[in-house]
Amino acid sequence: MSQVTPDGWVSFFGALMGVMLALLSILSEIRISKNQLKQQKKENKKIYYDKLLGSLPSIDMLCTQADYLNNEDGLLGSFVDVEARSKVLEDRMNDQSSNVAEREQYKYKIKCHENYINYWNKANATIEEFYSNGFFNVVKNECSGNVIMAYYDFVVAFQNEHFYCGPIIRTELLRNLLINLAEEIRKAEEDVNFCG
């Protein structure tokens, strides 16, 4: 066996240190890449949640027919189509037996109903457009199940209010459902941050 010279030992330890530094560098790069992927995943989730919320009317814009119609009108929860409700209110306004105060009240309700129909048609068109583009399926697959259920709860109540308008679907209910959706999104984002 030949003896190792001091220069040989220096070369050996130098090479060993080089390998260890390269290994540490590789591990560091893997960790950085992993963190970047997690951050990118969080950002993608945020985009999906933003698109989901963006397809719905804002909480400040929410309104229902129960905001201006009451049980005395006999139109809440009735079989009168939402478009035909304007005609019913106009007929009542033009009724000769109505006094001036009643006519003014019906005039106000007609104006409110026209504004409501315009608002609802625009908001529902945005929802339907979101459903019909292919991105909704991606959002549905990427978002938490609780978020999607809360989204559907809101949309179903929003559409039922328009077509049925029973006394149970009021603006407050729609606001609560929208707040519940935002809360589910917050929880899902916290879960992603916790796991990341």
C-alpha atoms as a PDB file:
ATOM      1  CA  MET A   1       0.000   0.000   0.000  1.00  0.00           C
ATOM      2  CA  SER A   2       1.238   3.342  -0.819  1.00  0.00           C
ATOM      3  CA  GLN A   3       1.075   6.200   1.533  1.00  0.00           C
ATOM      4  CA  VAL A   4      -1.192   9.175   0.947  1.00  0.00           C
ATOM      5  CA  THR A   5       0.637  12.430   0.786  1.00  0.00           C
ATOM      6  CA  PRO A   6      -0.601  15.565   2.505  1.00  0.00           C
ATOM      7  CA  ASP A   7      -1.464  17.015  -0.884  1.00  0.00           C
ATOM      8  CA  GLY A   8      -3.585  13.931  -1.558  1.00  0.00           C
ATOM      9  CA  TRP A   9      -5.524  14.400   1.663  1.00  0.00           C
ATOM     10  CA  VAL A  10      -6.154  18.044   0.824  1.00  0.00           C
ATOM     11  CA  SER A  11      -7.391  17.066  -2.639  1.00  0.00           C
ATOM     12  CA  PHE A  12      -9.601  14.334  -1.161  1.00  0.00           C
ATOM     13  CA  PHE A  13     -11.217  16.656   1.417  1.00  0.00           C
ATOM     14  CA  GLY A  14     -11.507  19.416  -1.181  1.00  0.00           C
ATOM     15  CA  ALA A  15     -13.383  17.061  -3.503  1.00  0.00           C
ATOM     16  CA  LEU A  16     -15.536  15.830  -0.608  1.00  0.00           C
ATOM     17  CA  MET A  17     -16.409  19.416   0.330  1.00  0.00           C
ATOM     18  CA  GLY A  18     -17.219  20.165  -3.328  1.00  0.00           C
ATOM     19  CA  VAL A  19     -19.623  17.202  -3.447  1.00  0.00           C
ATOM     20  CA  MET A  20     -21.267  18.258  -0.192  1.00  0.00           C
ATOM     21  CA  LEU A  21     -21.690  21.857  -1.394  1.00  0.00           C
ATOM     22  CA  ALA A  22     -23.160  20.619  -4.688  1.00  0.00           C
ATOM     23  CA  LEU A  23     -25.550  18.375  -2.752  1.00  0.00           C
ATOM     24  CA  LEU A  24     -26.617  21.256  -0.491  1.00  0.00           C
ATOM     25  CA  SER A  25     -27.103  23.463  -3.535  1.00  0.00           C
ATOM     26  CA  ILE A  26     -29.307  20.819  -5.196  1.00  0.00           C
ATOM     27  CA  LEU A  27     -31.387  20.350  -2.029  1.00  0.00           C
ATOM     28  CA  SER A  28     -31.753  24.119  -1.681  1.00  0.00           C
ATOM     29  CA  GLU A  29     -32.926  24.435  -5.314  1.00  0.00           C
ATOM     30  CA  ILE A  30     -35.438  21.606  -4.800  1.00  0.00           C
ATOM     31  CA  ARG A  31     -36.846  23.361  -1.750  1.00  0.00           C
ATOM     32  CA  ILE A  32     -37.053  26.715  -3.555  1.00  0.00           C
ATOM     33  CA  SER A  33     -38.780  25.081  -6.540  1.00  0.00           C
ATOM     34  CA  LYS A  34     -41.239  23.324  -4.234  1.00  0.00           C
ATOM     35  CA  ASN A  35     -42.075  26.618  -2.517  1.00  0.00           C
ATOM     36  CA  GLN A  36     -42.510  28.326  -5.881  1.00  0.00           C
ATOM     37  CA  LEU A  37     -44.910  25.578  -7.017  1.00  0.00           C
ATOM     38  CA  LYS A  38     -46.914  25.900  -3.791  1.00  0.00           C
ATOM     39  CA  GLN A  39     -47.066  29.678  -4.203  1.00  0.00           C
ATOM     40  CA  GLN A  40     -48.165  29.287  -7.811  1.00  0.00           C
ATOM     41  CA  LYS A  41     -50.876  26.841  -6.719  1.00  0.00           C
ATOM     42  CA  LYS A  42     -52.097  29.365  -4.111  1.00  0.00           C
ATOM     43  CA  GLU A  43     -52.186  32.118  -6.739  1.00  0.00           C
ATOM     44  CA  ASN A  44     -54.107  29.869  -9.149  1.00  0.00           C
ATOM     45  CA  LYS A  45     -56.660  29.039  -6.446  1.00  0.00           C
ATOM     46  CA  LYS A  46     -57.091  32.753  -5.767  1.00  0.00           C
ATOM     47  CA  ILE A  47     -57.797  33.325  -9.471  1.00  0.00           C
ATOM     48  CA  TYR A  48     -60.427  30.565  -9.425  1.00  0.00           C
ATOM     49  CA  TYR A  49     -62.114  31.979  -6.317  1.00  0.00           C
ATOM     50  CA  ASP A  50     -62.031  35.498  -7.752  1.00  0.00           C
ATOM     51  CA  LYS A  51     -63.659  34.279 -10.987  1.00  0.00           C
ATOM     52  CA  LEU A  52     -66.311  32.445  -8.982  1.00  0.00           C
ATOM     53  CA  LEU A  53     -67.176  35.548  -6.965  1.00  0.00           C
ATOM     54  CA  GLY A  54     -66.912  37.744 -10.072  1.00  0.00           C
ATOM     55  CA  SER A  55     -69.708  35.797 -11.734  1.00  0.00           C
ATOM     56  CA  LEU A  56     -72.147  36.814  -8.977  1.00  0.00           C
ATOM     57  CA  PRO A  57     -73.749  40.163  -8.182  1.00  0.00           C
ATOM     58  CA  SER A  58     -72.039  42.186  -5.483  1.00  0.00           C
ATOM     59  CA  ILE A  59     -73.504  42.118  -2.002  1.00  0.00           C
ATOM     60  CA  ASP A  60     -74.341  45.828  -2.292  1.00  0.00           C
ATOM     61  CA  MET A  61     -76.338  45.288  -5.487  1.00  0.00           C
ATOM     62  CA  LEU A  62     -78.470  42.390  -4.227  1.00  0.00           C
ATOM     63  CA  CYS A  63     -82.193  42.962  -4.187  1.00  0.00           C
ATOM     64  CA  THR A  64     -85.324  40.851  -4.280  1.00  0.00           C
ATOM     65  CA  GLN A  65     -88.927  41.469  -5.200  1.00  0.00           C
ATOM     66  CA  ALA A  66     -89.780  41.222  -1.507  1.00  0.00           C
ATOM     67  CA  ASP A  67     -87.981  44.582  -1.100  1.00  0.00           C
ATOM     68  CA  TYR A  68     -90.911  46.417  -2.693  1.00  0.00           C
ATOM     69  CA  LEU A  69     -93.764  43.900  -3.011  1.00  0.00           C
ATOM     70  CA  ASN A  70     -95.722  42.754   0.018  1.00  0.00           C
ATOM     71  CA  ASN A  71     -98.389  40.185   0.837  1.00  0.00           C
ATOM     72  CA  GLU A  72    -101.143  42.707   0.096  1.00  0.00           C
ATOM     73  CA  ASP A  73    -100.026  42.786  -3.543  1.00  0.00           C
ATOM     74  CA  GLY A  74    -100.713  39.053  -3.773  1.00  0.00           C
ATOM     75  CA  LEU A  75     -97.769  38.618  -6.123  1.00  0.00           C
ATOM     76  CA  LEU A  76     -95.164  37.085  -3.822  1.00  0.00           C
ATOM     77  CA  GLY A  77     -95.141  33.329  -4.360  1.00  0.00           C
ATOM     78  CA  SER A  78     -97.987  33.596  -6.855  1.00  0.00           C
ATOM     79  CA  PHE A  79     -98.315  31.934 -10.212  1.00  0.00           C
ATOM     80  CA  VAL A  80     -98.008  35.300 -11.929  1.00  0.00           C
ATOM     81  CA  ASP A  81     -94.900  35.317 -14.110  1.00  0.00           C
ATOM     82  CA  VAL A  82     -92.265  37.858 -13.075  1.00  0.00           C
ATOM     83  CA  GLU A  83     -92.666  39.748 -16.362  1.00  0.00           C
ATOM     84  CA  ALA A  84     -96.460  39.814 -15.985  1.00  0.00           C
ATOM     85  CA  ARG A  85     -96.230  41.340 -12.515  1.00  0.00           C
ATOM     86  CA  SER A  86     -95.571  44.748 -14.086  1.00  0.00           C
ATOM     87  CA  LYS A  87     -98.830  44.476 -16.022  1.00  0.00           C
ATOM     88  CA  VAL A  88    -100.760  43.507 -12.877  1.00  0.00           C
ATOM     89  CA  LEU A  89     -99.317  46.514 -11.045  1.00  0.00           C
ATOM     90  CA  GLU A  90    -100.096  48.827 -14.003  1.00  0.00           C
ATOM     91  CA  ASP A  91    -103.687  47.585 -14.118  1.00  0.00           C
ATOM     92  CA  ARG A  92    -104.056  48.281 -10.405  1.00  0.00           C
ATOM     93  CA  MET A  93    -102.527  51.738 -10.822  1.00  0.00           C
ATOM     94  CA  ASN A  94    -104.940  52.568 -13.652  1.00  0.00           C
ATOM     95  CA  ASP A  95    -107.946  51.202 -11.779  1.00  0.00           C
ATOM     96  CA  GLN A  96    -110.466  54.012 -11.360  1.00  0.00           C
ATOM     97  CA  SER A  97    -111.281  52.921  -7.818  1.00  0.00           C
ATOM     98  CA  SER A  98    -107.689  53.565  -6.695  1.00  0.00           C
ATOM     99  CA  ASN A  99    -107.054  56.770  -4.820  1.00  0.00           C
ATOM    100  CA  VAL A 100    -104.098  59.056  -5.530  1.00  0.00           C
ATOM    101  CA  ALA A 101    -101.915  57.588  -2.766  1.00  0.00           C
ATOM    102  CA  GLU A 102    -102.503  54.044  -4.044  1.00  0.00           C
ATOM    103  CA  ARG A 103    -101.702  55.091  -7.616  1.00  0.00           C
ATOM    104  CA  GLU A 104     -98.433  56.671  -6.468  1.00  0.00           C
ATOM    105  CA  GLN A 105     -97.577  53.548  -4.506  1.00  0.00           C
ATOM    106  CA  TYR A 106     -98.222  51.333  -7.555  1.00  0.00           C
ATOM    107  CA  LYS A 107     -96.224  53.725  -9.741  1.00  0.00           C
ATOM    108  CA  TYR A 108     -93.308  53.373  -7.291  1.00  0.00           C
ATOM    109  CA  LYS A 109     -93.623  49.562  -7.294  1.00  0.00           C
ATOM    110  CA  ILE A 110     -93.702  49.473 -11.109  1.00  0.00           C
ATOM    111  CA  LYS A 111     -90.478  51.515 -11.257  1.00  0.00           C
ATOM    112  CA  CYS A 112     -88.860  49.248  -8.649  1.00  0.00           C
ATOM    113  CA  HIS A 113     -89.983  46.158 -10.556  1.00  0.00           C
ATOM    114  CA  GLU A 114     -88.518  47.463 -13.839  1.00  0.00           C
ATOM    115  CA  ASN A 115     -85.217  48.187 -12.078  1.00  0.00           C
ATOM    116  CA  TYR A 116     -85.312  44.729 -10.483  1.00  0.00           C
ATOM    117  CA  ILE A 117     -85.913  42.991 -13.843  1.00  0.00           C
ATOM    118  CA  ASN A 118     -83.017  44.892 -15.455  1.00  0.00           C
ATOM    119  CA  TYR A 119     -80.728  44.078 -12.513  1.00  0.00           C
ATOM    120  CA  TRP A 120     -81.738  40.404 -12.410  1.00  0.00           C
ATOM    121  CA  ASN A 121     -81.428  39.856 -16.170  1.00  0.00           C
ATOM    122  CA  LYS A 122     -77.942  41.362 -16.200  1.00  0.00           C
ATOM    123  CA  ALA A 123     -76.784  39.428 -13.110  1.00  0.00           C
ATOM    124  CA  ASN A 124     -78.252  36.139 -14.340  1.00  0.00           C
ATOM    125  CA  ALA A 125     -76.683  36.611 -17.790  1.00  0.00           C
ATOM    126  CA  THR A 126     -73.274  36.912 -16.094  1.00  0.00           C
ATOM    127  CA  ILE A 127     -73.900  33.694 -14.147  1.00  0.00           C
ATOM    128  CA  GLU A 128     -75.089  31.845 -17.258  1.00  0.00           C
ATOM    129  CA  GLU A 129     -72.104  33.097 -19.271  1.00  0.00           C
ATOM    130  CA  PHE A 130     -69.764  31.840 -16.552  1.00  0.00           C
ATOM    131  CA  TYR A 131     -71.503  28.441 -16.579  1.00  0.00           C
ATOM    132  CA  SER A 132     -71.338  28.140 -20.342  1.00  0.00           C
ATOM    133  CA  ASN A 133     -67.658  28.927 -20.831  1.00  0.00           C
ATOM    134  CA  GLY A 134     -65.299  26.001 -20.335  1.00  0.00           C
ATOM    135  CA  PHE A 135     -63.445  27.743 -17.520  1.00  0.00           C
ATOM    136  CA  PHE A 136     -66.276  26.962 -15.075  1.00  0.00           C
ATOM    137  CA  ASN A 137     -65.444  23.242 -15.237  1.00  0.00           C
ATOM    138  CA  VAL A 138     -61.812  24.010 -14.358  1.00  0.00           C
ATOM    139  CA  VAL A 139     -62.931  26.227 -11.469  1.00  0.00           C
ATOM    140  CA  LYS A 140     -65.346  23.559 -10.259  1.00  0.00           C
ATOM    141  CA  ASN A 141     -62.600  20.922 -10.267  1.00  0.00           C
ATOM    142  CA  GLU A 142     -59.998  23.120  -8.578  1.00  0.00           C
ATOM    143  CA  CYS A 143     -62.111  24.703  -5.845  1.00  0.00           C
ATOM    144  CA  SER A 144     -63.036  23.142  -2.531  1.00  0.00           C
ATOM    145  CA  GLY A 145     -66.270  21.128  -2.461  1.00  0.00           C
ATOM    146  CA  ASN A 146     -67.658  23.384   0.268  1.00  0.00           C
ATOM    147  CA  VAL A 147     -67.005  26.447  -1.880  1.00  0.00           C
ATOM    148  CA  ILE A 148     -68.800  24.929  -4.869  1.00  0.00           C
ATOM    149  CA  MET A 149     -71.764  23.884  -2.687  1.00  0.00           C
ATOM    150  CA  ALA A 150     -72.004  27.414  -1.262  1.00  0.00           C
ATOM    151  CA  TYR A 151     -71.842  28.809  -4.813  1.00  0.00           C
ATOM    152  CA  TYR A 152     -74.684  26.564  -5.960  1.00  0.00           C
ATOM    153  CA  ASP A 153     -76.723  27.426  -2.836  1.00  0.00           C
ATOM    154  CA  PHE A 154     -76.534  31.091  -3.756  1.00  0.00           C
ATOM    155  CA  VAL A 155     -77.289  30.592  -7.469  1.00  0.00           C
ATOM    156  CA  VAL A 156     -80.283  28.338  -6.771  1.00  0.00           C
ATOM    157  CA  ALA A 157     -81.747  30.810  -4.248  1.00  0.00           C
ATOM    158  CA  PHE A 158     -81.048  33.727  -6.616  1.00  0.00           C
ATOM    159  CA  GLN A 159     -82.869  32.040  -9.498  1.00  0.00           C
ATOM    160  CA  ASN A 160     -85.691  30.663  -7.332  1.00  0.00           C
ATOM    161  CA  GLU A 161     -86.373  34.128  -5.960  1.00  0.00           C
ATOM    162  CA  HIS A 162     -86.897  35.395  -9.495  1.00  0.00           C
ATOM    163  CA  PHE A 163     -89.145  32.623 -10.702  1.00  0.00           C
ATOM    164  CA  TYR A 164     -90.996  31.839  -7.485  1.00  0.00           C
ATOM    165  CA  CYS A 165     -90.440  34.834  -5.216  1.00  0.00           C
ATOM    166  CA  GLY A 166     -91.850  33.199  -2.150  1.00  0.00           C
ATOM    167  CA  PRO A 167     -91.849  35.129   1.066  1.00  0.00           C
ATOM    168  CA  ILE A 168     -88.889  33.116   2.379  1.00  0.00           C
ATOM    169  CA  ILE A 169     -86.397  34.344  -0.242  1.00  0.00           C
ATOM    170  CA  ARG A 170     -85.490  37.849   0.767  1.00  0.00           C
ATOM    171  CA  THR A 171     -82.480  40.033   0.158  1.00  0.00           C
ATOM    172  CA  GLU A 172     -81.177  39.161   3.610  1.00  0.00           C
ATOM    173  CA  LEU A 173     -81.143  35.442   2.705  1.00  0.00           C
ATOM    174  CA  LEU A 174     -79.217  36.114  -0.519  1.00  0.00           C
ATOM    175  CA  ARG A 175     -76.739  38.302   1.378  1.00  0.00           C
ATOM    176  CA  ASN A 176     -76.248  35.563   3.976  1.00  0.00           C
ATOM    177  CA  LEU A 177     -75.632  32.983   1.248  1.00  0.00           C
ATOM    178  CA  LEU A 178     -73.106  35.282  -0.424  1.00  0.00           C
ATOM    179  CA  ILE A 179     -71.380  35.888   2.921  1.00  0.00           C
ATOM    180  CA  ASN A 180     -71.330  32.112   3.497  1.00  0.00           C
ATOM    181  CA  LEU A 181     -69.656  31.647   0.102  1.00  0.00           C
ATOM    182  CA  ALA A 182     -67.015  34.260   0.963  1.00  0.00           C
ATOM    183  CA  GLU A 183     -66.436  32.532   4.317  1.00  0.00           C
ATOM    184  CA  GLU A 184     -65.988  29.133   2.631  1.00  0.00           C
ATOM    185  CA  ILE A 185     -63.487  30.710   0.232  1.00  0.00           C
ATOM    186  CA  ARG A 186     -61.589  32.227   3.179  1.00  0.00           C
ATOM    187  CA  LYS A 187     -61.457  28.815   4.886  1.00  0.00           C
ATOM    188  CA  ALA A 188     -60.267  27.114   1.691  1.00  0.00           C
ATOM    189  CA  GLU A 189     -57.546  29.734   1.240  1.00  0.00           C
ATOM    190  CA  GLU A 190     -56.450  29.229   4.851  1.00  0.00           C
ATOM    191  CA  ASP A 191     -56.278  25.461   4.250  1.00  0.00           C
ATOM    192  CA  VAL A 192     -54.053  26.033   1.200  1.00  0.00           C
ATOM    193  CA  ASN A 193     -51.826  28.377   3.223  1.00  0.00           C
ATOM    194  CA  PHE A 194     -51.678  25.892   6.122  1.00  0.00           C
ATOM    195  CA  CYS A 195     -50.757  23.018   3.817  1.00  0.00           C
ATOM    196  CA  GLY A 196     -48.232  25.201   1.969  1.00  0.00           C
END
